[in-house]
Amino acid sequence: MAEKKKKTTAPSEVETATEPTAENTKTNEAEGASELAALQAQVEALQSELAAANDKYLRMIAEYDNFRKRSAHDRELACAEATETALKNILPIGDNLARAAQFTDPESVAKGIEMMQKGFADALAAMGIEEIEAKGLPFDPELHNAVMHVDDESLGEGVVADVLQKGYKRGDRVLRYAMVIVAN
């Protein structure tokens, strides 16, 4: 049988292979310094990006806060203007009530009440509010509130026989449903 011989290295050879040379050390230091410089440049770039993003974020928050405050102020102004407009339309009705209270004869009182009703209708029209028509029309649960039911052969099925309280709407929005009596 053939024996395999192991090759052994001399201790002096091993030491020389692991010993750093001056040239190797300079090369490693140069590579490390350039790597460090590249990493420092990258860190500086990331820090400037972070500062820019943070600044953008803070500006966006400030802009949103200003928008929120401006919107709240605009809503308050719109509400105040709407209230003012409504009161300007309704105040003449109060004046007419005060004048009507001064009269005692039935003819003048009746005329005063008619004038107030017309003034009230005009005030509502000026605010874009219209009366919901009901009497003689088919019952509509979107506009009417049925509180009573009567049998009346002269009216069809589900027709409004009488209005107990007028209803009002503004555009498509119902402010108050008409309280009605429905036939059959």
C-alpha atoms as a PDB file:
ATOM      1  CA  MET A   1       0.000   0.000   0.000  1.00  0.00           C
ATOM      2  CA  ALA A   2       1.119   3.335  -0.815  1.00  0.00           C
ATOM      3  CA  GLU A   3       1.311   5.774   1.976  1.00  0.00           C
ATOM      4  CA  LYS A   4       0.355   9.313   1.508  1.00  0.00           C
ATOM      5  CA  LYS A   5       2.793  11.774   2.723  1.00  0.00           C
ATOM      6  CA  LYS A   6       1.528  14.849   4.356  1.00  0.00           C
ATOM      7  CA  LYS A   7       3.119  18.054   3.320  1.00  0.00           C
ATOM      8  CA  THR A   8       4.087  20.154   6.213  1.00  0.00           C
ATOM      9  CA  THR A   9       5.014  23.742   6.087  1.00  0.00           C
ATOM     10  CA  ALA A  10       7.753  25.197   7.984  1.00  0.00           C
ATOM     11  CA  PRO A  11       6.884  27.545  10.853  1.00  0.00           C
ATOM     12  CA  SER A  12       8.793  30.348   9.224  1.00  0.00           C
ATOM     13  CA  GLU A  13       6.618  30.144   6.106  1.00  0.00           C
ATOM     14  CA  VAL A  14       3.373  30.387   8.086  1.00  0.00           C
ATOM     15  CA  GLU A  15       4.530  33.428   9.977  1.00  0.00           C
ATOM     16  CA  THR A  16       5.505  35.274   6.861  1.00  0.00           C
ATOM     17  CA  ALA A  17       2.155  34.604   5.205  1.00  0.00           C
ATOM     18  CA  THR A  18       0.095  36.079   8.047  1.00  0.00           C
ATOM     19  CA  GLU A  19       2.297  39.013   8.852  1.00  0.00           C
ATOM     20  CA  PRO A  20       0.955  42.268   7.386  1.00  0.00           C
ATOM     21  CA  THR A  21       3.326  44.089   5.252  1.00  0.00           C
ATOM     22  CA  ALA A  22       3.748  47.840   5.264  1.00  0.00           C
ATOM     23  CA  GLU A  23       2.362  47.974   1.768  1.00  0.00           C
ATOM     24  CA  ASN A  24      -0.745  45.945   2.751  1.00  0.00           C
ATOM     25  CA  THR A  25      -1.379  48.170   5.772  1.00  0.00           C
ATOM     26  CA  LYS A  26      -1.220  51.349   3.698  1.00  0.00           C
ATOM     27  CA  THR A  27      -3.601  49.896   1.137  1.00  0.00           C
ATOM     28  CA  ASN A  28      -6.090  48.805   3.837  1.00  0.00           C
ATOM     29  CA  GLU A  29      -5.931  52.208   5.522  1.00  0.00           C
ATOM     30  CA  ALA A  30      -6.502  53.972   2.211  1.00  0.00           C
ATOM     31  CA  GLU A  31      -9.458  51.724   1.405  1.00  0.00           C
ATOM     32  CA  GLY A  32     -10.902  52.240   4.910  1.00  0.00           C
ATOM     33  CA  ALA A  33     -10.471  56.006   4.676  1.00  0.00           C
ATOM     34  CA  SER A  34     -12.179  56.151   1.290  1.00  0.00           C
ATOM     35  CA  GLU A  35     -14.968  53.870   2.572  1.00  0.00           C
ATOM     36  CA  LEU A  36     -15.380  56.083   5.640  1.00  0.00           C
ATOM     37  CA  ALA A  37     -15.509  59.195   3.488  1.00  0.00           C
ATOM     38  CA  ALA A  38     -18.144  57.598   1.230  1.00  0.00           C
ATOM     39  CA  LEU A  39     -20.238  56.578   4.245  1.00  0.00           C
ATOM     40  CA  GLN A  40     -19.923  60.055   5.758  1.00  0.00           C
ATOM     41  CA  ALA A  41     -21.058  61.593   2.473  1.00  0.00           C
ATOM     42  CA  GLN A  42     -23.986  59.177   2.383  1.00  0.00           C
ATOM     43  CA  VAL A  43     -24.917  60.054   5.987  1.00  0.00           C
ATOM     44  CA  GLU A  44     -24.759  63.773   5.173  1.00  0.00           C
ATOM     45  CA  ALA A  45     -26.939  63.247   2.086  1.00  0.00           C
ATOM     46  CA  LEU A  46     -29.496  61.285   4.116  1.00  0.00           C
ATOM     47  CA  GLN A  47     -29.471  63.921   6.864  1.00  0.00           C
ATOM     48  CA  SER A  48     -30.138  66.668   4.317  1.00  0.00           C
ATOM     49  CA  GLU A  49     -32.962  64.569   2.801  1.00  0.00           C
ATOM     50  CA  LEU A  50     -34.398  64.053   6.287  1.00  0.00           C
ATOM     51  CA  ALA A  51     -34.211  67.775   7.044  1.00  0.00           C
ATOM     52  CA  ALA A  52     -35.946  68.583   3.742  1.00  0.00           C
ATOM     53  CA  ALA A  53     -38.689  66.005   4.390  1.00  0.00           C
ATOM     54  CA  ASN A  54     -39.147  67.269   7.954  1.00  0.00           C
ATOM     55  CA  ASP A  55     -39.400  70.864   6.703  1.00  0.00           C
ATOM     56  CA  LYS A  56     -41.954  69.803   4.085  1.00  0.00           C
ATOM     57  CA  TYR A  57     -43.931  67.943   6.752  1.00  0.00           C
ATOM     58  CA  LEU A  58     -43.938  70.909   9.132  1.00  0.00           C
ATOM     59  CA  ARG A  59     -45.050  73.243   6.343  1.00  0.00           C
ATOM     60  CA  MET A  60     -47.858  70.868   5.398  1.00  0.00           C
ATOM     61  CA  ILE A  61     -49.062  70.717   9.015  1.00  0.00           C
ATOM     62  CA  ALA A  62     -48.985  74.511   9.276  1.00  0.00           C
ATOM     63  CA  GLU A  63     -50.852  74.827   5.972  1.00  0.00           C
ATOM     64  CA  TYR A  64     -53.522  72.369   7.125  1.00  0.00           C
ATOM     65  CA  ASP A  65     -53.905  74.187  10.436  1.00  0.00           C
ATOM     66  CA  ASN A  66     -54.350  77.505   8.599  1.00  0.00           C
ATOM     67  CA  PHE A  67     -56.907  75.876   6.268  1.00  0.00           C
ATOM     68  CA  ARG A  68     -58.850  74.481   9.245  1.00  0.00           C
ATOM     69  CA  LYS A  69     -58.909  77.869  10.982  1.00  0.00           C
ATOM     70  CA  ARG A  70     -59.902  79.670   7.775  1.00  0.00           C
ATOM     71  CA  SER A  71     -62.708  77.141   7.119  1.00  0.00           C
ATOM     72  CA  ALA A  72     -64.064  77.535  10.653  1.00  0.00           C
ATOM     73  CA  HIS A  73     -64.000  81.317  10.269  1.00  0.00           C
ATOM     74  CA  ASP A  74     -65.778  81.103   6.896  1.00  0.00           C
ATOM     75  CA  ARG A  75     -68.481  78.847   8.391  1.00  0.00           C
ATOM     76  CA  GLU A  76     -69.035  81.303  11.237  1.00  0.00           C
ATOM     77  CA  LEU A  77     -69.355  84.182   8.766  1.00  0.00           C
ATOM     78  CA  ALA A  78     -71.768  82.236   6.560  1.00  0.00           C
ATOM     79  CA  CYS A  79     -73.917  81.338   9.576  1.00  0.00           C
ATOM     80  CA  ALA A  80     -73.947  84.954  10.782  1.00  0.00           C
ATOM     81  CA  GLU A  81     -74.898  86.215   7.321  1.00  0.00           C
ATOM     82  CA  ALA A  82     -77.689  83.636   6.984  1.00  0.00           C
ATOM     83  CA  THR A  83     -79.076  84.554  10.395  1.00  0.00           C
ATOM     84  CA  GLU A  84     -78.890  88.239   9.539  1.00  0.00           C
ATOM     85  CA  THR A  85     -80.704  87.691   6.238  1.00  0.00           C
ATOM     86  CA  ALA A  86     -83.441  85.625   7.908  1.00  0.00           C
ATOM     87  CA  LEU A  87     -83.961  88.238  10.607  1.00  0.00           C
ATOM     88  CA  LYS A  88     -84.138  91.061   8.059  1.00  0.00           C
ATOM     89  CA  ASN A  89     -86.915  89.131   6.318  1.00  0.00           C
ATOM     90  CA  ILE A  90     -88.807  88.313   9.521  1.00  0.00           C
ATOM     91  CA  LEU A  91     -88.541  91.608  11.443  1.00  0.00           C
ATOM     92  CA  PRO A  92     -91.183  93.387   9.289  1.00  0.00           C
ATOM     93  CA  ILE A  93     -93.656  90.688  10.315  1.00  0.00           C
ATOM     94  CA  GLY A  94     -93.078  91.584  13.971  1.00  0.00           C
ATOM     95  CA  ASP A  95     -93.627  95.264  13.129  1.00  0.00           C
ATOM     96  CA  ASN A  96     -96.940  94.406  11.471  1.00  0.00           C
ATOM     97  CA  LEU A  97     -97.990  92.386  14.541  1.00  0.00           C
ATOM     98  CA  ALA A  98     -97.313  95.404  16.757  1.00  0.00           C
ATOM     99  CA  ARG A  99     -99.393  97.642  14.462  1.00  0.00           C
ATOM    100  CA  ALA A 100    -102.258  95.116  14.299  1.00  0.00           C
ATOM    101  CA  ALA A 101    -102.401  94.960  18.096  1.00  0.00           C
ATOM    102  CA  GLN A 102    -103.322  98.645  18.162  1.00  0.00           C
ATOM    103  CA  PHE A 103    -106.600  98.080  16.292  1.00  0.00           C
ATOM    104  CA  THR A 104    -109.761  96.806  17.900  1.00  0.00           C
ATOM    105  CA  ASP A 105    -112.302  96.775  15.087  1.00  0.00           C
ATOM    106  CA  PRO A 106    -112.617  93.327  13.457  1.00  0.00           C
ATOM    107  CA  GLU A 107    -112.301  94.645   9.893  1.00  0.00           C
ATOM    108  CA  SER A 108    -108.906  96.284  10.539  1.00  0.00           C
ATOM    109  CA  VAL A 109    -107.652  93.257  12.486  1.00  0.00           C
ATOM    110  CA  ALA A 110    -108.653  90.902   9.649  1.00  0.00           C
ATOM    111  CA  LYS A 111    -106.907  93.142   7.114  1.00  0.00           C
ATOM    112  CA  GLY A 112    -103.805  93.273   9.330  1.00  0.00           C
ATOM    113  CA  ILE A 113    -103.709  89.479   9.641  1.00  0.00           C
ATOM    114  CA  GLU A 114    -103.966  89.107   5.859  1.00  0.00           C
ATOM    115  CA  MET A 115    -101.092  91.559   5.431  1.00  0.00           C
ATOM    116  CA  MET A 116     -98.978  89.606   7.939  1.00  0.00           C
ATOM    117  CA  GLN A 117     -99.686  86.328   6.147  1.00  0.00           C
ATOM    118  CA  LYS A 118     -98.597  87.902   2.873  1.00  0.00           C
ATOM    119  CA  GLY A 119     -95.512  89.361   4.530  1.00  0.00           C
ATOM    120  CA  PHE A 120     -94.667  85.958   6.002  1.00  0.00           C
ATOM    121  CA  ALA A 121     -95.056  84.253   2.607  1.00  0.00           C
ATOM    122  CA  ASP A 122     -92.849  86.943   1.012  1.00  0.00           C
ATOM    123  CA  ALA A 123     -90.191  86.523   3.718  1.00  0.00           C
ATOM    124  CA  LEU A 124     -90.126  82.760   3.167  1.00  0.00           C
ATOM    125  CA  ALA A 125     -89.915  83.210  -0.603  1.00  0.00           C
ATOM    126  CA  ALA A 126     -87.001  85.638  -0.161  1.00  0.00           C
ATOM    127  CA  MET A 127     -85.162  82.901   1.759  1.00  0.00           C
ATOM    128  CA  GLY A 128     -85.922  80.291  -0.927  1.00  0.00           C
ATOM    129  CA  ILE A 129     -88.481  78.454   1.200  1.00  0.00           C
ATOM    130  CA  GLU A 130     -91.649  77.225  -0.447  1.00  0.00           C
ATOM    131  CA  GLU A 131     -94.836  75.693   0.885  1.00  0.00           C
ATOM    132  CA  ILE A 132     -95.418  71.993   0.238  1.00  0.00           C
ATOM    133  CA  GLU A 133     -98.633  71.566  -1.733  1.00  0.00           C
ATOM    134  CA  ALA A 134    -100.767  68.805  -0.279  1.00  0.00           C
ATOM    135  CA  LYS A 135    -104.574  69.188  -0.431  1.00  0.00           C
ATOM    136  CA  GLY A 136    -106.122  67.145  -3.214  1.00  0.00           C
ATOM    137  CA  LEU A 137    -102.789  65.536  -4.170  1.00  0.00           C
ATOM    138  CA  PRO A 138    -101.767  61.912  -3.633  1.00  0.00           C
ATOM    139  CA  PHE A 139    -100.180  61.217  -0.238  1.00  0.00           C
ATOM    140  CA  ASP A 140     -96.363  61.299  -0.427  1.00  0.00           C
ATOM    141  CA  PRO A 141     -94.498  60.085   2.680  1.00  0.00           C
ATOM    142  CA  GLU A 142     -91.449  62.056   1.503  1.00  0.00           C
ATOM    143  CA  LEU A 143     -93.413  65.323   1.965  1.00  0.00           C
ATOM    144  CA  HIS A 144     -96.442  64.546   4.132  1.00  0.00           C
ATOM    145  CA  ASN A 145     -97.035  63.282   7.654  1.00  0.00           C
ATOM    146  CA  ALA A 146    -100.397  61.495   7.866  1.00  0.00           C
ATOM    147  CA  VAL A 147    -101.993  61.924  11.291  1.00  0.00           C
ATOM    148  CA  MET A 148    -105.593  60.967  10.501  1.00  0.00           C
ATOM    149  CA  HIS A 149    -107.566  58.852   8.080  1.00  0.00           C
ATOM    150  CA  VAL A 150    -111.079  59.561   6.806  1.00  0.00           C
ATOM    151  CA  ASP A 151    -113.488  57.792   4.479  1.00  0.00           C
ATOM    152  CA  ASP A 152    -114.524  60.158   1.689  1.00  0.00           C
ATOM    153  CA  GLU A 153    -116.047  58.733  -1.495  1.00  0.00           C
ATOM    154  CA  SER A 154    -115.509  62.014  -3.364  1.00  0.00           C
ATOM    155  CA  LEU A 155    -111.724  61.568  -3.061  1.00  0.00           C
ATOM    156  CA  GLY A 156    -109.617  58.775  -4.491  1.00  0.00           C
ATOM    157  CA  GLU A 157    -107.509  56.229  -2.625  1.00  0.00           C
ATOM    158  CA  GLY A 158    -104.609  57.790  -0.702  1.00  0.00           C
ATOM    159  CA  VAL A 159    -105.468  61.407  -1.536  1.00  0.00           C
ATOM    160  CA  VAL A 160    -104.834  64.180   0.981  1.00  0.00           C
ATOM    161  CA  ALA A 161    -108.256  65.329   2.219  1.00  0.00           C
ATOM    162  CA  ASP A 162    -107.114  68.226   4.396  1.00  0.00           C
ATOM    163  CA  VAL A 163    -103.976  69.945   5.707  1.00  0.00           C
ATOM    164  CA  LEU A 164    -103.734  70.459   9.469  1.00  0.00           C
ATOM    165  CA  GLN A 165    -100.318  72.125   9.391  1.00  0.00           C
ATOM    166  CA  LYS A 166     -98.491  73.448   6.337  1.00  0.00           C
ATOM    167  CA  GLY A 167     -95.177  71.919   5.357  1.00  0.00           C
ATOM    168  CA  TYR A 168     -92.179  73.781   3.948  1.00  0.00           C
ATOM    169  CA  LYS A 169     -89.120  72.878   1.936  1.00  0.00           C
ATOM    170  CA  ARG A 170     -86.058  74.620   0.614  1.00  0.00           C
ATOM    171  CA  GLY A 171     -84.941  73.143  -2.662  1.00  0.00           C
ATOM    172  CA  ASP A 172     -85.109  69.367  -2.229  1.00  0.00           C
ATOM    173  CA  ARG A 173     -84.709  69.505   1.552  1.00  0.00           C
ATOM    174  CA  VAL A 174     -87.870  69.271   3.677  1.00  0.00           C
ATOM    175  CA  LEU A 175     -87.841  71.732   6.570  1.00  0.00           C
ATOM    176  CA  ARG A 176     -91.169  70.624   7.997  1.00  0.00           C
ATOM    177  CA  TYR A 177     -93.483  67.889   6.746  1.00  0.00           C
ATOM    178  CA  ALA A 178     -97.076  68.813   5.990  1.00  0.00           C
ATOM    179  CA  MET A 179     -99.389  67.333   8.643  1.00  0.00           C
ATOM    180  CA  VAL A 180    -102.305  65.912   6.671  1.00  0.00           C
ATOM    181  CA  ILE A 181    -105.511  63.898   6.778  1.00  0.00           C
ATOM    182  CA  VAL A 182    -105.579  61.115   4.166  1.00  0.00           C
ATOM    183  CA  ALA A 183    -108.759  59.814   2.539  1.00  0.00           C
ATOM    184  CA  ASN A 184    -109.772  56.179   2.079  1.00  0.00           C
END
